[in-house]
């Protein structure tokens, strides 16, 4: 094994052990920190200098995307007017391994004066930051992964892991779910999948292939080949309710077996009580239904309308594949 590989493995081992050591420190202080953030009516303000500042920026993004509005405040800028970002209902989460960064002075005095909760993530429990905090979480490490023991490596990894643990616990306590996550991530694949409704991708209006019970099979063939969605036709009652469906599979079987395939009416060929889906359902559910029952299309209803059995659209599996739901 080369020295390079050995060094890489040592770093991963040191940092992994630093994170695992945090498991034994999740006690009442952790629960208190989560409760303070969860019950806050304001924002979460994260702050840190140097590498801790970079971790704080990342955690602010994580909290914001999981239901807790969060902002990063640079400690050095805070004493030059940026303290105004901290409101009376906010919570401050400060990251500093040594806990003695002089740039924190203004923030510590401000939150003490205003009675604003301060959560500290530090490796020094006797530091100024720890003593000023409402609750302190210990992120100390036995060693840094840096060969010189100087560059923040294991300590910054441990701080990030503890911050993520807090964020995920707060998220769970708030009941923040997949749909909420999608609302905050509309540009991502998960967001698109969880926000796209059947009505967003269905064919409607003149593209909807429907026909009456007594329509001739010639008319059925015509409508099934001239609409946007080919290969299916919905059979509707006089009142407009969907009562049956005719598919291209039924047409092919009739052509194979009948000496006079154009004789008859729609009601003679249709399948009654076809599977449907509501226009407000997730498109993802429509794809699941099609896969489960091995069908290629669904007629769409609006169950909240005054005529809940009247078709308002049609959805083909290709529409869902084009929408990149898979």
Protein backbone atom coordinates (compact mmCIF):
# COMPACT_ATOMS: atom_id res chain seq x y z
CA UNK A 1 0.00 0.00 0.00
CA UNK A 2 1.43 3.38 -0.99
CA UNK A 3 2.09 6.14 1.51
CA UNK A 4 -0.53 8.27 -0.21
CA UNK A 5 -3.23 5.64 0.31
CA UNK A 6 -2.10 5.13 3.91
CA UNK A 7 -2.39 8.85 4.59
CA UNK A 8 -5.85 9.00 3.04
CA UNK A 9 -7.04 6.04 5.09
CA UNK A 10 -5.66 7.58 8.28
CA UNK A 11 -7.56 10.82 7.66
CA UNK A 12 -10.82 8.97 7.03
CA UNK A 13 -10.33 6.85 10.14
CA UNK A 14 -9.59 9.86 12.37
CA UNK A 15 -12.58 11.81 11.06
CA UNK A 16 -14.90 8.79 11.27
CA UNK A 17 -13.92 8.23 14.89
CA UNK A 18 -14.47 11.92 15.65
CA UNK A 19 -18.04 11.69 14.37
CA UNK A 20 -18.76 8.39 16.12
CA UNK A 21 -17.58 9.87 19.41
CA UNK A 22 -20.44 12.37 19.22
CA UNK A 23 -23.01 9.61 19.72
CA UNK A 24 -22.29 9.44 23.43
CA UNK A 25 -22.83 13.20 23.82
CA UNK A 26 -26.41 13.36 22.61
CA UNK A 27 -28.18 14.02 25.87
CA UNK A 28 -30.29 16.70 27.48
CA UNK A 29 -28.20 19.51 25.95
CA UNK A 30 -28.95 18.22 22.45
CA UNK A 31 -32.67 17.95 23.23
CA UNK A 32 -32.66 21.46 24.65
CA UNK A 33 -30.95 22.88 21.57
CA UNK A 34 -33.47 21.21 19.27
CA UNK A 35 -36.38 22.45 21.40
CA UNK A 36 -35.11 26.04 21.40
CA UNK A 37 -34.83 26.10 17.60
CA UNK A 38 -38.11 24.28 17.03
CA UNK A 39 -40.11 26.59 19.29
CA UNK A 40 -38.52 29.79 18.01
CA UNK A 41 -40.89 32.20 16.28
CA UNK A 42 -38.05 33.91 14.48
CA UNK A 43 -34.99 33.04 12.43
CA UNK A 44 -31.95 30.95 13.18
CA UNK A 45 -28.76 32.99 12.92
CA UNK A 46 -25.57 30.98 12.40
CA UNK A 47 -22.16 32.49 12.92
CA UNK A 48 -18.54 31.39 12.89
CA UNK A 49 -15.04 32.50 11.86
CA UNK A 50 -12.67 30.81 9.43
CA UNK A 51 -13.40 27.13 8.82
CA UNK A 52 -16.20 27.28 11.39
CA UNK A 53 -17.72 30.07 9.34
CA UNK A 54 -17.73 27.86 6.25
CA UNK A 55 -19.47 25.12 8.21
CA UNK A 56 -21.97 27.67 9.55
CA UNK A 57 -22.81 28.79 6.00
CA UNK A 58 -23.47 25.21 4.97
CA UNK A 59 -25.66 24.57 8.02
CA UNK A 60 -27.66 27.75 7.37
CA UNK A 61 -28.47 26.35 3.93
CA UNK A 62 -29.42 22.98 5.41
CA UNK A 63 -31.74 24.49 8.01
CA UNK A 64 -33.38 26.78 5.44
CA UNK A 65 -34.09 23.92 3.04
CA UNK A 66 -35.65 21.78 5.77
CA UNK A 67 -38.18 24.18 7.22
CA UNK A 68 -36.17 26.51 9.51
CA UNK A 69 -35.41 29.96 8.06
CA UNK A 70 -31.70 30.51 8.70
CA UNK A 71 -29.04 33.09 7.84
CA UNK A 72 -25.28 33.37 8.20
CA UNK A 73 -23.87 36.34 10.14
CA UNK A 74 -20.15 37.07 9.83
CA UNK A 75 -18.81 37.79 13.34
CA UNK A 76 -16.38 40.46 12.15
CA UNK A 77 -19.12 42.31 10.28
CA UNK A 78 -21.59 42.03 13.16
CA UNK A 79 -19.97 44.90 15.07
CA UNK A 80 -20.30 47.20 12.07
CA UNK A 81 -24.06 47.24 11.77
CA UNK A 82 -24.92 43.64 10.86
CA UNK A 83 -26.15 42.86 14.37
CA UNK A 84 -29.39 44.36 13.11
CA UNK A 85 -30.14 41.05 11.40
CA UNK A 86 -30.77 39.45 14.81
CA UNK A 87 -34.38 39.90 15.93
CA UNK A 88 -35.84 39.53 19.40
CA UNK A 89 -37.51 36.22 18.46
CA UNK A 90 -34.41 34.73 16.83
CA UNK A 91 -31.95 32.09 18.01
CA UNK A 92 -28.18 32.30 17.50
CA UNK A 93 -26.13 29.18 16.79
CA UNK A 94 -22.43 29.96 17.16
CA UNK A 95 -19.62 27.68 15.93
CA UNK A 96 -16.10 28.00 17.30
CA UNK A 97 -13.89 25.08 18.22
CA UNK A 98 -11.68 27.14 20.55
CA UNK A 99 -14.55 29.36 21.69
CA UNK A 100 -12.31 32.41 22.12
CA UNK A 101 -12.53 34.18 18.76
CA UNK A 102 -12.39 37.91 19.61
CA UNK A 103 -14.76 38.67 16.73
CA UNK A 104 -17.57 37.04 18.78
CA UNK A 105 -17.41 39.73 21.46
CA UNK A 106 -20.08 41.97 19.94
CA UNK A 107 -22.49 39.12 19.31
CA UNK A 108 -22.12 37.67 22.82
CA UNK A 109 -22.79 41.03 24.45
CA UNK A 110 -25.73 41.73 22.15
CA UNK A 111 -27.57 38.44 22.72
CA UNK A 112 -26.95 38.68 26.48
CA UNK A 113 -28.37 42.20 26.54
CA UNK A 114 -31.44 41.24 24.47
CA UNK A 115 -32.06 37.87 26.15
CA UNK A 116 -31.70 35.99 22.85
CA UNK A 117 -31.00 32.23 23.13
CA UNK A 118 -27.45 31.27 22.19
CA UNK A 119 -26.49 27.71 21.24
CA UNK A 120 -22.76 26.98 21.08
CA UNK A 121 -20.95 24.23 19.20
CA UNK A 122 -17.43 24.19 20.62
CA UNK A 123 -14.64 21.87 21.61
CA UNK A 124 -13.72 23.89 24.71
CA UNK A 125 -16.37 23.71 27.42
CA UNK A 126 -14.60 26.32 29.59
CA UNK A 127 -14.33 28.87 26.80
CA UNK A 128 -15.94 32.31 26.77
CA UNK A 129 -18.42 31.16 24.13
CA UNK A 130 -19.48 28.14 26.15
CA UNK A 131 -19.95 30.19 29.33
CA UNK A 132 -22.08 32.74 27.49
CA UNK A 133 -24.29 30.14 25.82
CA UNK A 134 -27.78 29.07 26.82
CA UNK A 135 -26.78 25.54 25.89
CA UNK A 136 -23.44 24.12 24.75
CA UNK A 137 -22.84 21.06 22.58
CA UNK A 138 -19.44 19.44 22.87
CA UNK A 139 -17.75 18.80 19.51
CA UNK A 140 -14.23 18.18 20.85
CA UNK A 141 -11.98 15.65 19.09
CA UNK A 142 -9.05 13.63 20.40
CA UNK A 143 -6.92 14.58 17.40
CA UNK A 144 -7.04 16.41 14.10
CA UNK A 145 -6.59 14.46 10.89
CA UNK A 146 -3.96 16.97 9.80
CA UNK A 147 -0.46 15.34 10.07
CA UNK A 148 0.74 18.50 11.81
CA UNK A 149 -2.24 18.53 14.15
CA UNK A 150 -2.95 22.12 13.14
CA UNK A 151 -5.47 22.41 10.28
CA UNK A 152 -9.11 22.03 11.38
CA UNK A 153 -10.11 18.69 9.89
CA UNK A 154 -11.65 16.22 12.32
CA UNK A 155 -12.93 19.12 14.42
CA UNK A 156 -14.70 20.79 11.50
CA UNK A 157 -16.13 17.43 10.40
CA UNK A 158 -17.46 16.81 13.91
CA UNK A 159 -18.97 20.29 14.03
CA UNK A 160 -20.69 19.76 10.69
CA UNK A 161 -22.04 16.38 11.78
CA UNK A 162 -23.44 17.78 15.02
CA UNK A 163 -25.02 20.67 13.15
CA UNK A 164 -26.63 18.27 10.69
CA UNK A 165 -27.91 16.16 13.60
CA UNK A 166 -29.59 19.22 15.10
CA UNK A 167 -31.08 20.24 11.75
CA UNK A 168 -32.52 16.79 11.05
CA UNK A 169 -33.93 16.47 14.56
CA UNK A 170 -35.61 19.88 14.25
CA UNK A 171 -36.95 18.90 10.84
CA UNK A 172 -38.47 15.71 12.27
CA UNK A 173 -39.98 17.52 15.25
CA UNK A 174 -41.64 20.02 12.91
CA UNK A 175 -43.14 17.21 10.85
CA UNK A 176 -41.40 18.51 7.74
CA UNK A 177 -42.09 15.97 4.98
CA UNK A 178 -41.37 15.18 1.35
CA UNK A 179 -43.97 17.58 0.00
CA UNK A 180 -42.59 20.41 2.12
CA UNK A 181 -39.09 19.59 0.91
CA UNK A 182 -40.30 19.66 -2.69
CA UNK A 183 -41.80 23.11 -2.18
CA UNK A 184 -38.37 24.40 -1.21
CA UNK A 185 -36.61 22.50 -4.04
CA UNK A 186 -38.81 23.02 -7.13
CA UNK A 187 -35.80 22.91 -9.43
CA UNK A 188 -34.63 19.46 -8.36
CA UNK A 189 -35.84 16.12 -9.65
CA UNK A 190 -37.48 15.26 -6.32
CA UNK A 191 -39.26 18.60 -6.24
CA UNK A 192 -40.53 18.16 -9.78
CA UNK A 193 -41.73 14.64 -9.04
CA UNK A 194 -43.57 15.67 -5.88
CA UNK A 195 -45.09 18.87 -7.27
CA UNK A 196 -46.27 17.75 -10.71
CA UNK A 197 -49.98 16.97 -10.76
CA UNK A 198 -51.94 14.98 -13.30
CA UNK A 199 -53.62 18.18 -14.52
CA UNK A 200 -50.19 19.62 -15.34
CA UNK A 201 -49.39 16.95 -17.95
CA UNK A 202 -52.76 15.60 -19.16
CA UNK A 203 -54.38 16.25 -22.57
CA UNK A 204 -57.66 18.15 -22.32
CA UNK A 205 -60.20 20.05 -24.40
CA UNK A 206 -60.23 19.18 -28.10
CA UNK A 207 -57.48 16.62 -27.49
CA UNK A 208 -59.81 14.50 -25.35
CA UNK A 209 -61.09 11.44 -27.33
CA UNK A 210 -64.63 10.78 -26.17
CA UNK A 211 -67.62 9.33 -28.00
CA UNK A 212 -71.23 8.40 -27.30
CA UNK A 213 -72.62 4.97 -26.52
CA UNK A 214 -74.33 4.58 -29.89
CA UNK A 215 -71.52 5.91 -32.03
CA UNK A 216 -70.63 3.62 -34.91
CA UNK A 217 -67.38 1.69 -34.79
CA UNK A 218 -66.28 3.66 -37.86
CA UNK A 219 -66.59 6.81 -35.75
CA UNK A 220 -64.72 5.11 -32.92
CA UNK A 221 -61.84 4.18 -35.26
CA UNK A 222 -61.73 7.72 -36.58
CA UNK A 223 -61.55 9.47 -33.22
CA UNK A 224 -58.93 7.04 -31.96
CA UNK A 225 -56.61 7.95 -34.83
CA UNK A 226 -57.15 11.70 -35.09
CA UNK A 227 -56.80 12.95 -31.52
CA UNK A 228 -53.54 13.90 -29.82
CA UNK A 229 -53.66 10.77 -27.71
CA UNK A 230 -54.16 7.93 -30.11
CA UNK A 231 -55.15 4.38 -29.36
CA UNK A 232 -58.00 4.98 -26.92
CA UNK A 233 -61.46 6.48 -26.72
CA UNK A 234 -63.68 7.16 -23.74
CA UNK A 235 -67.33 6.24 -24.00
CA UNK A 236 -69.63 8.71 -22.26
CA UNK A 237 -73.31 8.66 -21.33
CA UNK A 238 -75.83 11.27 -22.47
CA UNK A 239 -75.01 13.27 -19.35
CA UNK A 240 -71.29 13.18 -20.16
CA UNK A 241 -70.19 10.66 -17.52
CA UNK A 242 -67.43 8.21 -18.40
CA UNK A 243 -68.90 4.72 -18.51
CA UNK A 244 -66.47 2.80 -20.68
CA UNK A 245 -63.26 2.80 -22.68
CA UNK A 246 -62.15 1.34 -25.98
CA UNK A 247 -58.47 0.65 -26.57
CA UNK A 248 -56.41 -0.19 -29.62
CA UNK A 249 -55.98 -3.69 -28.24
CA UNK A 250 -59.72 -4.26 -28.46
CA UNK A 251 -59.71 -2.90 -31.98
CA UNK A 252 -56.95 -5.26 -33.08
CA UNK A 253 -58.73 -8.27 -31.61
CA UNK A 254 -61.95 -7.31 -33.38
CA UNK A 255 -60.17 -6.94 -36.71
CA UNK A 256 -58.65 -10.40 -36.27
CA UNK A 257 -61.88 -12.18 -35.28
CA UNK A 258 -64.73 -10.37 -37.06
CA UNK A 259 -65.64 -10.77 -40.72
CA UNK A 260 -67.31 -7.35 -40.57
CA UNK A 261 -65.32 -5.33 -37.97
CA UNK A 262 -67.05 -2.00 -38.70
CA UNK A 263 -70.49 -3.29 -37.80
CA UNK A 264 -71.71 -2.37 -34.36
CA UNK A 265 -71.63 0.51 -31.90
CA UNK A 266 -69.26 1.75 -29.21
CA UNK A 267 -71.29 0.10 -26.45
CA UNK A 268 -70.70 -3.30 -28.09
CA UNK A 269 -66.94 -3.04 -27.83
CA UNK A 270 -66.22 -0.96 -24.75
CA UNK A 271 -64.86 -2.12 -21.41
CA UNK A 272 -67.05 -0.84 -18.60
CA UNK A 273 -65.83 0.92 -15.45
CA UNK A 274 -62.36 1.85 -16.72
CA UNK A 275 -59.59 2.88 -14.34
CA UNK A 276 -59.35 6.61 -13.84
CA UNK A 277 -57.37 9.13 -11.83
CA UNK A 278 -58.21 12.48 -10.31
CA UNK A 279 -56.73 15.59 -11.90
CA UNK A 280 -55.30 16.74 -8.57
CA UNK A 281 -53.39 13.53 -7.89
CA UNK A 282 -49.61 13.50 -8.21
CA UNK A 283 -48.46 12.48 -11.67
CA UNK A 284 -46.17 10.05 -9.88
CA UNK A 285 -49.25 8.19 -8.62
CA UNK A 286 -50.65 7.97 -12.15
CA UNK A 287 -47.43 6.33 -13.31
CA UNK A 288 -47.63 3.89 -10.39
CA UNK A 289 -51.21 2.93 -11.30
CA UNK A 290 -50.25 2.36 -14.93
CA UNK A 291 -47.31 0.19 -13.97
CA UNK A 292 -49.33 -1.76 -11.39
CA UNK A 293 -52.18 -2.61 -13.77
CA UNK A 294 -50.03 -2.73 -16.93
CA UNK A 295 -52.02 -0.12 -18.83
CA UNK A 296 -50.80 2.73 -21.02
CA UNK A 297 -53.36 5.42 -20.38
CA UNK A 298 -55.83 6.77 -17.84
CA UNK A 299 -58.84 9.00 -18.25
CA UNK A 300 -58.77 11.91 -15.84
CA UNK A 301 -61.69 13.04 -13.67
CA UNK A 302 -62.22 16.05 -11.45
CA UNK A 303 -63.79 14.55 -8.35
CA UNK A 304 -64.39 17.97 -6.80
CA UNK A 305 -66.51 19.18 -9.70
CA UNK A 306 -70.31 19.10 -9.90
CA UNK A 307 -69.99 16.20 -12.35
CA UNK A 308 -67.24 14.03 -10.83
CA UNK A 309 -67.58 11.21 -13.41
CA UNK A 310 -67.17 13.47 -16.43
CA UNK A 311 -63.73 13.07 -18.07
CA UNK A 312 -61.66 16.25 -18.11
CA UNK A 313 -58.50 14.81 -19.65
CA UNK A 314 -56.52 11.79 -20.71
CA UNK A 315 -53.01 10.82 -19.67
CA UNK A 316 -50.68 8.49 -21.57
CA UNK A 317 -47.64 6.81 -20.08
CA UNK A 318 -45.47 8.60 -22.65
CA UNK A 319 -46.61 11.94 -21.21
CA UNK A 320 -45.24 10.91 -17.83
CA UNK A 321 -41.99 9.65 -19.28
CA UNK A 322 -41.53 12.91 -21.19
CA UNK A 323 -42.13 14.74 -17.91
CA UNK A 324 -39.06 12.86 -16.58
CA UNK A 325 -40.86 11.30 -13.64
CA UNK A 326 -38.53 8.33 -14.07
